[in-house]
C-alpha atoms as a PDB file:
ATOM      1  CA  ALA A   1     -10.158   1.901  17.304  1.00  0.00           C
ATOM      2  CA  GLY A   2      -6.983   3.848  16.496  1.00  0.00           C
ATOM      3  CA  VAL A   3      -4.802   1.684  18.734  1.00  0.00           C
ATOM      4  CA  ILE A   4      -6.229  -1.514  17.258  1.00  0.00           C
ATOM      5  CA  LEU A   5      -5.785  -0.302  13.658  1.00  0.00           C
ATOM      6  CA  SER A   6      -2.205   0.719  14.374  1.00  0.00           C
ATOM      7  CA  ARG A   7      -1.490  -2.771  15.750  1.00  0.00           C
ATOM      8  CA  VAL A   8      -3.114  -4.400  12.691  1.00  0.00           C
ATOM      9  CA  LEU A   9      -1.017  -2.222  10.377  1.00  0.00           C
ATOM     10  CA  GLN A  10       2.146  -2.999  12.294  1.00  0.00           C
ATOM     11  CA  THR A  11       1.514  -6.749  12.285  1.00  0.00           C
ATOM     12  CA  THR A  12       0.495  -6.866   8.630  1.00  0.00           C
ATOM     13  CA  LEU A  13       3.060  -4.526   7.121  1.00  0.00           C
ATOM     14  CA  CYS A  14       6.075  -5.931   8.946  1.00  0.00           C
ATOM     15  CA  THR A  15       5.655  -9.162   6.962  1.00  0.00           C
ATOM     16  CA  ALA A  16       4.954  -7.510   3.582  1.00  0.00           C
ATOM     17  CA  ASN A  17       7.705  -7.465   0.949  1.00  0.00           C
ATOM     18  CA  ALA A  18       6.399  -4.170  -0.396  1.00  0.00           C
ATOM     19  CA  THR A  19       3.650  -1.672   0.343  1.00  0.00           C
ATOM     20  CA  ILE A  20       1.918   0.886  -1.881  1.00  0.00           C
ATOM     21  CA  ALA A  21       0.637   4.230  -0.639  1.00  0.00           C
ATOM     22  CA  VAL A  22      -1.437   6.660  -2.712  1.00  0.00           C
ATOM     23  CA  SER A  23       0.415   9.780  -1.509  1.00  0.00           C
ATOM     24  CA  HIS A  24       3.439  10.969   0.460  1.00  0.00           C
ATOM     25  CA  ALA A  25       1.102  11.846   3.343  1.00  0.00           C
ATOM     26  CA  CYS A  26      -0.343   8.325   3.304  1.00  0.00           C
ATOM     27  CA  ARG A  27       3.181   6.839   3.354  1.00  0.00           C
ATOM     28  CA  ASP A  28       4.186   9.087   6.258  1.00  0.00           C
ATOM     29  CA  ASN A  29       1.054   8.012   8.142  1.00  0.00           C
ATOM     30  CA  LEU A  30       1.837   4.327   7.544  1.00  0.00           C
ATOM     31  CA  VAL A  31       5.417   4.800   8.736  1.00  0.00           C
ATOM     32  CA  LEU A  32       4.237   6.464  11.933  1.00  0.00           C
ATOM     33  CA  ARG A  33       1.299   4.185  12.729  1.00  0.00           C
ATOM     34  CA  ALA A  34       3.017   0.895  11.893  1.00  0.00           C
ATOM     35  CA  HIS A  35       6.406   1.903  13.330  1.00  0.00           C
ATOM     36  CA  LEU A  36       8.164   1.298   9.987  1.00  0.00           C
ATOM     37  CA  LYS A  37      10.768   4.073  10.242  1.00  0.00           C
ATOM     38  CA  THR A  38      13.641   1.806   9.183  1.00  0.00           C
ATOM     39  CA  GLU A  39      11.621   0.253   6.336  1.00  0.00           C
ATOM     40  CA  ARG A  40      10.396   3.445   4.640  1.00  0.00           C
ATOM     41  CA  GLN A  41      12.061   2.451   1.333  1.00  0.00           C
ATOM     42  CA  ARG A  42       9.699  -0.544   1.034  1.00  0.00           C
ATOM     43  CA  ILE A  43       6.718   1.807   0.661  1.00  0.00           C
ATOM     44  CA  SER A  44       6.190   2.942  -2.927  1.00  0.00           C
ATOM     45  CA  ILE A  45       3.904   5.803  -3.885  1.00  0.00           C
ATOM     46  CA  ILE A  46       1.459   5.277  -6.731  1.00  0.00           C
ATOM     47  CA  PRO A  47      -1.265   7.946  -7.057  1.00  0.00           C
ATOM     48  CA  ASN A  48      -4.870   6.772  -7.392  1.00  0.00           C
ATOM     49  CA  ALA A  49      -5.476   8.172 -10.857  1.00  0.00           C
ATOM     50  CA  ILE A  50      -3.810   6.619 -13.895  1.00  0.00           C
ATOM     51  CA  ASP A  51      -4.142   7.298 -17.604  1.00  0.00           C
ATOM     52  CA  PRO A  52      -5.030   3.896 -19.110  1.00  0.00           C
ATOM     53  CA  SER A  53      -3.831   5.046 -22.539  1.00  0.00           C
ATOM     54  CA  LYS A  54      -0.320   5.441 -21.067  1.00  0.00           C
ATOM     55  CA  PHE A  55      -0.376   2.439 -18.729  1.00  0.00           C
ATOM     56  CA  THR A  56      -0.776  -1.010 -20.201  1.00  0.00           C
ATOM     57  CA  PRO A  57       0.861  -3.945 -18.419  1.00  0.00           C
ATOM     58  CA  ASN A  58       3.074  -6.152 -20.567  1.00  0.00           C
ATOM     59  CA  PRO A  59       1.760  -9.732 -20.213  1.00  0.00           C
ATOM     60  CA  SER A  60       5.165 -11.185 -21.199  1.00  0.00           C
ATOM     61  CA  LYS A  61       6.722  -9.636 -18.065  1.00  0.00           C
ATOM     62  CA  ARG A  62       4.191 -11.183 -15.689  1.00  0.00           C
ATOM     63  CA  PRO A  63       5.973 -13.249 -13.045  1.00  0.00           C
ATOM     64  CA  GLU A  64       5.251 -16.961 -13.063  1.00  0.00           C
ATOM     65  CA  LYS A  65       4.908 -17.026  -9.285  1.00  0.00           C
ATOM     66  CA  ARG A  66       1.572 -15.635  -8.091  1.00  0.00           C
ATOM     67  CA  ILE A  67       1.673 -12.525  -5.967  1.00  0.00           C
ATOM     68  CA  GLN A  68      -0.619 -11.701  -3.073  1.00  0.00           C
ATOM     69  CA  VAL A  69      -2.214  -8.291  -2.771  1.00  0.00           C
ATOM     70  CA  ALA A  70      -3.980  -7.029   0.348  1.00  0.00           C
ATOM     71  CA  VAL A  71      -5.864  -3.738   0.608  1.00  0.00           C
ATOM     72  CA  VAL A  72      -6.328  -1.763   3.809  1.00  0.00           C
ATOM     73  CA  SER A  73      -8.828   1.042   3.378  1.00  0.00           C
ATOM     74  CA  ARG A  74     -11.481   2.985   5.209  1.00  0.00           C
ATOM     75  CA  LEU A  75     -14.983   2.223   4.019  1.00  0.00           C
ATOM     76  CA  VAL A  76     -16.660   5.588   3.710  1.00  0.00           C
ATOM     77  CA  TYR A  77     -19.600   6.727   1.613  1.00  0.00           C
ATOM     78  CA  ARG A  78     -17.665   9.255  -0.509  1.00  0.00           C
ATOM     79  CA  LYS A  79     -15.459   6.483  -1.952  1.00  0.00           C
ATOM     80  CA  GLY A  80     -18.431   5.115  -3.853  1.00  0.00           C
END
């Protein structure tokens, strides 16, 4: 399964304009598994937890063009 997942990551992420990781370790893992060494700067780190009282998107800055978001995640019981 590891070889297949690495190939899926490589195929998917090479066409993405940007990628978000939840930690530096997650970004490093993506770089290694998807062979993205030269594209490391396209992976931003945004931790899972946010304070909603400090983060409120500004609707006036929403781009007119729709964006596409894809999520790659392990489905495990502890995630809820």
